């Protein structure tokens, strides 16, 4: 179960969990942290447990590997189903739980970083957490700076038993954002000892990959990038942009649309057909090195997920955010807050569906100020602080020898 390159003599071992029911957000955030850790610490190894169906499409740095658990997707009613229709969901969840526990116990990490879900998907970490705690592992919960509306977060944490889990097993709670930007646990009645464990580490800065994809096609100069992240719910935004370009032919800037791996075949075909009727529009299915496109773009139109937002800040991009409003209002909260600070423009999706309003927003976008020109100082030191904290945790622990901890 444990990859061969993980030496039992390694000074620091970090296990990361990303449940990944749909989209790219959890995997990309986890991968960014993992890469930052191995870049800053030569004697550190990371093992990622991921449910992403396309984890293998991404490159991972040396000393970072992943264990793939069976993928599931979340239905509109809140329930889950197996990505493989021939496997019962109960069997899928059982396999996930067993793989996670085995990998965690054998890997014997110094630090376990859990993304967003304290108990994991459907409580699949319930047996792993106490085992790692007994082995002397430091357990950390990582939260993006916005989860959802406060009432929704409060209801979900209460119903899932998340609070009790955090109280009993988590030594630290890292918020991947600034304290003055947003509190993801606003409205949750946290006991003071738990509240004291929260550390707003700052946003997670992104960089352009040093080794570029040799297959990338040549793109037009001075283009506007339109990205829907994973793309599963991004077709509407693409339609709004194309309708605006059709409505106002004065929008002569080249546009590059990146659809995303989870957009349906039918929607991709529709978007490509609409784009083919317009000049200066290039459509790409997917690019695992989206950072390079953002850095080159004159401006960016996006939905405002966490990773995209970090990239916009990191590359000082002019941006127009068209946030998703259902099933969560996370993107809407983030976009409103960012626009208040002058970091981006925002258009409500109901307004964006009007070609005239969307065209006006696109026209204004290419000359708006960059985030660095605003008075608000963005804290992008999250990866530095996380790396320093992980090293401090490992150094402060006089661990049980690894060969004994594996069988603890």
Protein backbone atom coordinates (compact mmCIF):
# COMPACT_ATOMS: atom_id res chain seq x y z
CA UNK A 1 0.00 0.00 0.00
CA UNK A 2 2.80 2.44 0.82
CA UNK A 3 4.86 3.53 -2.22
CA UNK A 4 8.43 2.20 -2.23
CA UNK A 5 10.13 5.59 -2.23
CA UNK A 6 8.78 6.40 1.24
CA UNK A 7 11.73 5.54 3.48
CA UNK A 8 10.95 4.59 7.03
CA UNK A 9 13.89 6.80 7.96
CA UNK A 10 12.33 9.92 6.44
CA UNK A 11 12.33 12.77 8.95
CA UNK A 12 8.81 14.00 8.20
CA UNK A 13 5.88 12.13 6.69
CA UNK A 14 2.64 13.92 5.86
CA UNK A 15 -0.61 12.21 4.95
CA UNK A 16 -3.29 14.27 3.22
CA UNK A 17 -6.96 13.41 2.66
CA UNK A 18 -9.12 14.87 -0.12
CA UNK A 19 -12.55 13.26 -0.53
CA UNK A 20 -13.16 14.78 -4.03
CA UNK A 21 -16.75 13.90 -4.87
CA UNK A 22 -16.80 16.19 -7.91
CA UNK A 23 -14.73 18.93 -9.48
CA UNK A 24 -11.07 19.82 -9.10
CA UNK A 25 -11.06 22.10 -6.05
CA UNK A 26 -10.08 19.71 -3.28
CA UNK A 27 -7.42 17.89 -5.30
CA UNK A 28 -5.78 21.08 -6.61
CA UNK A 29 -5.66 22.65 -3.15
CA UNK A 30 -4.22 19.49 -1.63
CA UNK A 31 -1.67 19.14 -4.43
CA UNK A 32 -0.54 22.77 -4.01
CA UNK A 33 0.12 22.21 -0.30
CA UNK A 34 1.91 18.92 -0.92
CA UNK A 35 4.21 20.47 -3.52
CA UNK A 36 5.01 23.40 -1.24
CA UNK A 37 5.96 21.02 1.58
CA UNK A 38 8.40 18.92 -0.45
CA UNK A 39 9.91 22.02 -2.07
CA UNK A 40 10.69 23.53 1.32
CA UNK A 41 11.73 20.34 3.15
CA UNK A 42 14.09 17.89 1.47
CA UNK A 43 13.50 15.16 4.05
CA UNK A 44 9.70 15.25 3.81
CA UNK A 45 7.37 12.91 1.93
CA UNK A 46 3.66 13.32 1.24
CA UNK A 47 1.04 10.68 0.53
CA UNK A 48 -2.33 11.98 -0.72
CA UNK A 49 -5.52 9.96 -0.38
CA UNK A 50 -7.82 11.20 -3.14
CA UNK A 51 -11.22 10.29 -4.53
CA UNK A 52 -10.71 12.36 -7.69
CA UNK A 53 -11.45 10.44 -10.86
CA UNK A 54 -8.75 12.38 -12.74
CA UNK A 55 -5.98 12.53 -10.12
CA UNK A 56 -3.72 10.68 -12.54
CA UNK A 57 -3.98 13.47 -15.11
CA UNK A 58 -1.85 15.76 -12.96
CA UNK A 59 1.90 15.69 -12.49
CA UNK A 60 3.21 15.24 -8.95
CA UNK A 61 6.62 16.27 -7.67
CA UNK A 62 9.18 13.83 -6.38
CA UNK A 63 8.30 12.60 -2.86
CA UNK A 64 4.60 13.19 -3.49
CA UNK A 65 2.39 10.24 -4.39
CA UNK A 66 -1.30 9.46 -4.11
CA UNK A 67 -3.56 6.56 -3.25
CA UNK A 68 -6.72 6.58 -5.33
CA UNK A 69 -9.92 5.48 -3.57
CA UNK A 70 -13.07 4.61 -5.57
CA UNK A 71 -14.80 7.74 -6.84
CA UNK A 72 -18.29 8.84 -5.87
CA UNK A 73 -20.46 11.75 -6.95
CA UNK A 74 -22.93 13.80 -4.97
CA UNK A 75 -26.47 13.90 -6.31
CA UNK A 76 -28.73 16.96 -6.22
CA UNK A 77 -30.66 15.49 -3.25
CA UNK A 78 -27.46 15.38 -1.20
CA UNK A 79 -26.98 11.63 -1.42
CA UNK A 80 -24.00 9.90 -3.02
CA UNK A 81 -23.64 7.29 -5.72
CA UNK A 82 -20.70 5.32 -7.06
CA UNK A 83 -19.04 6.69 -10.19
CA UNK A 84 -19.04 3.08 -11.43
CA UNK A 85 -22.73 2.27 -11.81
CA UNK A 86 -22.14 -1.46 -11.43
CA UNK A 87 -20.81 -1.08 -7.86
CA UNK A 88 -23.23 -0.52 -5.00
CA UNK A 89 -22.61 2.72 -3.06
CA UNK A 90 -22.38 0.83 0.25
CA UNK A 91 -19.66 -1.40 -1.20
CA UNK A 92 -17.87 1.62 -2.62
CA UNK A 93 -17.87 3.41 0.73
CA UNK A 94 -16.68 0.24 2.45
CA UNK A 95 -13.74 -0.07 0.06
CA UNK A 96 -12.84 3.58 0.52
CA UNK A 97 -12.85 3.25 4.30
CA UNK A 98 -10.66 0.11 4.23
CA UNK A 99 -8.14 1.61 1.79
CA UNK A 100 -7.87 4.82 3.79
CA UNK A 101 -7.33 3.04 7.10
CA UNK A 102 -4.74 0.64 5.70
CA UNK A 103 -2.77 3.37 3.95
CA UNK A 104 -2.83 5.61 7.02
CA UNK A 105 -1.67 2.93 9.46
CA UNK A 106 1.09 1.62 7.20
CA UNK A 107 2.34 5.07 6.21
CA UNK A 108 2.49 6.12 9.88
CA UNK A 109 2.47 9.89 9.30
CA UNK A 110 3.74 12.63 11.59
CA UNK A 111 0.96 14.92 10.37
CA UNK A 112 -2.45 14.14 8.89
CA UNK A 113 -4.07 17.05 7.01
CA UNK A 114 -7.77 16.60 6.27
CA UNK A 115 -9.43 18.82 3.69
CA UNK A 116 -12.80 20.31 4.70
CA UNK A 117 -14.65 17.24 6.05
CA UNK A 118 -13.63 16.45 9.66
CA UNK A 119 -15.08 12.92 9.58
CA UNK A 120 -14.44 12.40 5.88
CA UNK A 121 -17.08 11.42 3.35
CA UNK A 122 -19.95 9.70 5.16
CA UNK A 123 -17.74 9.28 8.25
CA UNK A 124 -15.11 7.24 6.40
CA UNK A 125 -12.34 8.61 8.67
CA UNK A 126 -14.04 7.48 11.87
CA UNK A 127 -11.80 4.44 12.34
CA UNK A 128 -8.64 6.08 10.98
CA UNK A 129 -8.64 9.15 13.23
CA UNK A 130 -8.40 7.30 16.57
CA UNK A 131 -5.73 4.96 15.19
CA UNK A 132 -3.54 7.84 14.07
CA UNK A 133 -4.13 9.67 17.34
CA UNK A 134 -2.89 6.60 19.24
CA UNK A 135 0.17 6.51 17.00
CA UNK A 136 1.10 10.05 18.02
CA UNK A 137 0.13 11.73 14.75
CA UNK A 138 -0.78 15.41 14.76
CA UNK A 139 -4.18 15.81 13.03
CA UNK A 140 -5.06 19.06 11.25
CA UNK A 141 -8.27 20.26 9.59
CA UNK A 142 -7.82 22.54 6.57
CA UNK A 143 -10.70 24.80 5.55
CA UNK A 144 -11.06 27.16 2.62
CA UNK A 145 -11.86 30.70 3.74
CA UNK A 146 -15.55 30.38 2.73
CA UNK A 147 -17.57 27.20 3.23
CA UNK A 148 -21.17 28.33 2.74
CA UNK A 149 -23.83 30.51 4.32
CA UNK A 150 -23.36 30.51 8.12
CA UNK A 151 -26.76 28.90 8.75
CA UNK A 152 -25.95 26.09 6.33
CA UNK A 153 -22.54 25.41 7.88
CA UNK A 154 -24.04 25.43 11.37
CA UNK A 155 -26.77 22.98 10.34
CA UNK A 156 -24.39 20.64 8.53
CA UNK A 157 -21.80 20.55 11.30
CA UNK A 158 -24.50 19.88 13.86
CA UNK A 159 -26.10 17.07 11.87
CA UNK A 160 -22.83 15.36 10.91
CA UNK A 161 -21.17 15.33 14.32
CA UNK A 162 -18.29 17.40 12.93
CA UNK A 163 -17.97 19.49 16.08
CA UNK A 164 -17.45 16.49 18.36
CA UNK A 165 -14.94 15.04 15.91
CA UNK A 166 -12.92 18.27 15.76
CA UNK A 167 -13.01 18.59 19.54
CA UNK A 168 -11.73 15.05 20.08
CA UNK A 169 -9.11 14.60 17.35
CA UNK A 170 -7.99 17.84 15.70
CA UNK A 171 -5.11 19.76 17.25
CA UNK A 172 -5.25 22.58 14.72
CA UNK A 173 -7.68 24.16 12.26
CA UNK A 174 -6.04 25.95 9.36
CA UNK A 175 -8.16 28.47 7.46
CA UNK A 176 -6.71 29.06 4.01
CA UNK A 177 -7.39 32.79 3.97
CA UNK A 178 -7.17 36.03 5.93
CA UNK A 179 -9.07 36.72 9.12
CA UNK A 180 -10.33 40.05 7.80
CA UNK A 181 -11.63 38.47 4.59
CA UNK A 182 -14.10 35.91 5.94
CA UNK A 183 -14.67 33.49 8.82
CA UNK A 184 -15.73 30.08 7.41
CA UNK A 185 -17.14 29.00 10.78
CA UNK A 186 -19.15 32.15 11.39
CA UNK A 187 -22.34 31.20 13.20
CA UNK A 188 -20.99 27.86 14.43
CA UNK A 189 -21.07 27.69 18.22
CA UNK A 190 -17.49 26.61 18.80
CA UNK A 191 -16.28 25.89 22.34
CA UNK A 192 -13.51 28.30 23.25
CA UNK A 193 -10.81 25.57 23.39
CA UNK A 194 -11.71 24.65 19.79
CA UNK A 195 -11.87 28.29 18.68
CA UNK A 196 -8.33 28.75 20.00
CA UNK A 197 -7.06 26.09 17.61
CA UNK A 198 -8.01 28.16 14.54
CA UNK A 199 -5.20 29.80 12.60
CA UNK A 200 -5.90 31.92 9.51
CA UNK A 201 -2.73 31.03 7.61
CA UNK A 202 -3.38 33.20 4.54
CA UNK A 203 -4.30 32.39 0.96
CA UNK A 204 -2.31 29.73 -0.91
CA UNK A 205 -0.09 31.39 -3.51
CA UNK A 206 0.32 29.66 -6.88
CA UNK A 207 3.21 29.61 -9.34
CA UNK A 208 3.57 28.73 -13.01
CA UNK A 209 4.97 25.21 -13.58
CA UNK A 210 8.67 25.21 -14.48
CA UNK A 211 8.19 22.46 -17.05
CA UNK A 212 5.53 23.44 -19.54
CA UNK A 213 3.23 21.09 -21.42
CA UNK A 214 4.90 20.60 -24.84
CA UNK A 215 1.52 19.92 -26.48
CA UNK A 216 0.06 23.34 -25.66
CA UNK A 217 -1.12 25.06 -28.79
CA UNK A 218 -0.17 28.60 -29.72
CA UNK A 219 -2.76 31.05 -28.46
CA UNK A 220 -3.59 34.58 -29.62
CA UNK A 221 -1.91 37.56 -28.01
CA UNK A 222 -3.65 39.69 -25.40
CA UNK A 223 -6.51 37.22 -24.91
CA UNK A 224 -9.25 37.04 -22.27
CA UNK A 225 -9.31 33.67 -20.52
CA UNK A 226 -12.68 32.16 -19.61
CA UNK A 227 -12.35 29.24 -17.20
CA UNK A 228 -14.98 27.11 -15.50
CA UNK A 229 -12.60 25.10 -13.32
CA UNK A 230 -13.69 21.48 -13.49
CA UNK A 231 -16.51 22.58 -15.77
CA UNK A 232 -19.26 20.41 -14.34
CA UNK A 233 -21.44 23.45 -13.71
CA UNK A 234 -19.69 25.98 -15.93
CA UNK A 235 -21.66 25.71 -19.18
CA UNK A 236 -24.01 28.58 -18.30
CA UNK A 237 -21.12 30.98 -17.77
CA UNK A 238 -19.68 29.98 -21.15
CA UNK A 239 -23.06 30.59 -22.78
CA UNK A 240 -23.31 34.03 -21.18
CA UNK A 241 -19.89 35.03 -22.54
CA UNK A 242 -20.63 33.77 -26.06
CA UNK A 243 -24.04 35.48 -26.11
CA UNK A 244 -22.42 38.75 -25.07
CA UNK A 245 -19.77 38.44 -27.79
CA UNK A 246 -22.48 37.78 -30.36
CA UNK A 247 -24.53 40.74 -29.09
CA UNK A 248 -21.71 43.31 -29.10
CA UNK A 249 -19.29 42.99 -31.99
CA UNK A 250 -17.19 45.80 -30.49
CA UNK A 251 -15.75 43.19 -28.13
CA UNK A 252 -12.85 42.39 -30.44
CA UNK A 253 -10.45 41.00 -27.84
CA UNK A 254 -9.52 37.33 -28.48
CA UNK A 255 -11.20 34.92 -26.04
CA UNK A 256 -9.88 31.52 -24.92
CA UNK A 257 -12.49 29.25 -23.32
CA UNK A 258 -11.32 26.29 -21.19
CA UNK A 259 -14.29 23.99 -20.67
CA UNK A 260 -12.99 21.61 -17.98
CA UNK A 261 -12.93 17.80 -17.74
CA UNK A 262 -16.31 17.42 -16.04
CA UNK A 263 -18.42 19.36 -18.53
CA UNK A 264 -20.80 16.97 -20.30
CA UNK A 265 -20.14 15.93 -23.89
CA UNK A 266 -23.43 17.49 -24.94
CA UNK A 267 -22.58 20.84 -23.34
CA UNK A 268 -19.08 20.82 -24.81
CA UNK A 269 -20.51 20.23 -28.25
CA UNK A 270 -22.99 23.07 -27.80
CA UNK A 271 -20.32 25.52 -26.62
CA UNK A 272 -18.01 24.60 -29.49
CA UNK A 273 -20.82 25.07 -32.00
CA UNK A 274 -21.69 28.53 -30.64
CA UNK A 275 -18.02 29.54 -30.55
CA UNK A 276 -17.43 28.46 -34.14
CA UNK A 277 -19.77 31.21 -35.31
CA UNK A 278 -17.65 33.91 -33.70
CA UNK A 279 -14.28 35.33 -34.66
CA UNK A 280 -11.31 35.29 -32.28
CA UNK A 281 -12.70 32.58 -29.99
CA UNK A 282 -10.56 29.54 -29.14
CA UNK A 283 -12.03 26.61 -27.21
CA UNK A 284 -9.88 24.17 -25.19
CA UNK A 285 -11.20 21.07 -23.45
CA UNK A 286 -8.86 21.08 -20.46
CA UNK A 287 -5.41 22.23 -19.38
CA UNK A 288 -3.70 20.90 -16.25
CA UNK A 289 -1.40 23.94 -16.29
CA UNK A 290 -4.05 26.62 -16.17
CA UNK A 291 -1.66 28.84 -14.20
CA UNK A 292 0.35 29.48 -17.36
CA UNK A 293 -2.75 30.61 -19.24
CA UNK A 294 -3.77 32.94 -16.42
CA UNK A 295 -0.37 34.55 -16.29
CA UNK A 296 -0.48 35.31 -20.03
CA UNK A 297 -4.09 36.48 -20.18
CA UNK A 298 -5.03 40.16 -20.30
CA UNK A 299 -8.02 39.38 -18.08
CA UNK A 300 -9.94 36.39 -16.72
CA UNK A 301 -13.63 35.50 -16.51
CA UNK A 302 -14.29 32.78 -13.93
CA UNK A 303 -16.81 31.38 -11.48
CA UNK A 304 -14.77 32.17 -8.38
CA UNK A 305 -13.92 28.85 -6.77
CA UNK A 306 -11.19 28.89 -4.14
CA UNK A 307 -8.30 27.71 -6.30
CA UNK A 308 -9.17 30.04 -9.16
CA UNK A 309 -9.38 32.94 -6.72
CA UNK A 310 -5.92 32.15 -5.32
CA UNK A 311 -4.54 32.06 -8.87
CA UNK A 312 -6.15 35.38 -9.75
CA UNK A 313 -4.50 36.95 -6.71
CA UNK A 314 -1.15 35.23 -7.29
CA UNK A 315 -0.88 36.39 -10.91
CA UNK A 316 -2.43 39.81 -10.25
CA UNK A 317 -5.17 39.19 -12.81
CA UNK A 318 -7.94 41.52 -13.82
CA UNK A 319 -11.00 39.38 -13.20
CA UNK A 320 -14.74 39.23 -13.67
CA UNK A 321 -16.39 36.69 -11.38
CA UNK A 322 -19.70 35.07 -12.33
CA UNK A 323 -20.37 33.09 -9.13
CA UNK A 324 -22.43 29.96 -8.77
CA UNK A 325 -25.42 30.46 -6.44
CA UNK A 326 -26.55 26.84 -6.03
CA UNK A 327 -26.29 24.38 -4.39
CA UNK A 328 -23.89 26.45 -2.26
CA UNK A 329 -23.40 30.20 -2.01
CA UNK A 330 -19.66 29.88 -1.31
CA UNK A 331 -18.65 31.49 -4.61
CA UNK A 332 -21.19 34.27 -4.22
CA UNK A 333 -19.91 35.16 -0.74
CA UNK A 334 -16.30 35.12 -1.93
CA UNK A 335 -17.04 37.22 -5.02
CA UNK A 336 -19.00 39.83 -3.07
CA UNK A 337 -16.26 40.12 -0.47
CA UNK A 338 -13.51 40.35 -3.11
CA UNK A 339 -15.42 43.01 -5.07
CA UNK A 340 -15.88 45.03 -1.87
CA UNK A 341 -12.09 45.12 -1.52
CA UNK A 342 -11.71 46.03 -5.21
CA UNK A 343 -9.90 42.78 -6.02
CA UNK A 344 -12.24 41.88 -8.89
CA UNK A 345 -15.48 42.75 -10.64
CA UNK A 346 -18.57 40.65 -10.04
CA UNK A 347 -21.78 40.11 -11.97
CA UNK A 348 -24.71 38.16 -10.61
CA UNK A 349 -25.46 35.16 -12.86
CA UNK A 350 -29.04 36.41 -13.28
CA UNK A 351 -27.66 39.64 -14.73
CA UNK A 352 -24.99 37.81 -16.72
CA UNK A 353 -27.71 35.97 -18.62
CA UNK A 354 -28.64 39.34 -20.19
CA UNK A 355 -26.25 39.76 -23.18
CA UNK A 356 -26.28 43.55 -22.86
CA UNK A 357 -25.24 43.53 -19.22
CA UNK A 358 -22.66 40.81 -19.75
CA UNK A 359 -21.21 42.65 -22.73
CA UNK A 360 -20.88 45.81 -20.62
CA UNK A 361 -19.10 43.83 -17.88
CA UNK A 362 -16.69 42.30 -20.42
CA UNK A 363 -16.02 45.68 -22.02
CA UNK A 364 -15.14 47.21 -18.62
CA UNK A 365 -13.03 44.21 -17.59
CA UNK A 366 -9.98 44.60 -19.82
CA UNK A 367 -9.09 48.04 -18.43
CA UNK A 368 -9.98 47.58 -14.77
CA UNK A 369 -7.30 47.88 -12.09
CA UNK A 370 -5.31 44.82 -11.09
CA UNK A 371 -5.61 43.53 -7.48
CA UNK A 372 -2.19 44.97 -6.60
CA UNK A 373 -3.50 48.49 -7.33
CA UNK A 374 -6.14 48.29 -4.59
CA UNK A 375 -5.56 49.43 -0.98
CA UNK A 376 -6.32 45.94 0.35
CA UNK A 377 -3.14 43.96 0.95
CA UNK A 378 -3.70 40.31 0.09
CA UNK A 379 -2.00 37.78 2.40
CA UNK A 380 -0.57 35.04 0.17
CA UNK A 381 1.77 33.50 2.74
CA UNK A 382 -0.37 30.45 3.48
CA UNK A 383 1.98 27.86 1.99
CA UNK A 384 4.98 29.37 3.83
CA UNK A 385 3.16 29.27 7.17
CA UNK A 386 1.88 25.73 6.61
CA UNK A 387 5.37 24.50 5.73
CA UNK A 388 6.89 26.14 8.80
CA UNK A 389 4.17 24.73 11.06
CA UNK A 390 4.53 21.19 9.71
CA UNK A 391 8.28 21.29 10.34
CA UNK A 392 7.67 22.62 13.85
CA UNK A 393 5.15 19.87 14.62
CA UNK A 394 7.49 17.13 13.44
CA UNK A 395 10.46 18.60 15.31
CA UNK A 396 8.59 18.98 18.60
CA UNK A 397 7.36 15.38 18.65
CA UNK A 398 9.55 12.66 20.01
CA UNK A 399 7.83 10.05 17.90
CA UNK A 400 7.49 6.35 18.48
CA UNK A 401 9.93 4.67 16.05
CA UNK A 402 8.20 4.11 12.72
CA UNK A 403 8.75 0.34 12.74
CA UNK A 404 6.77 0.15 16.00
CA UNK A 405 4.15 2.74 15.08
CA UNK A 406 3.04 0.78 12.05
CA UNK A 407 1.71 -1.93 14.34
CA UNK A 408 0.53 0.32 17.17
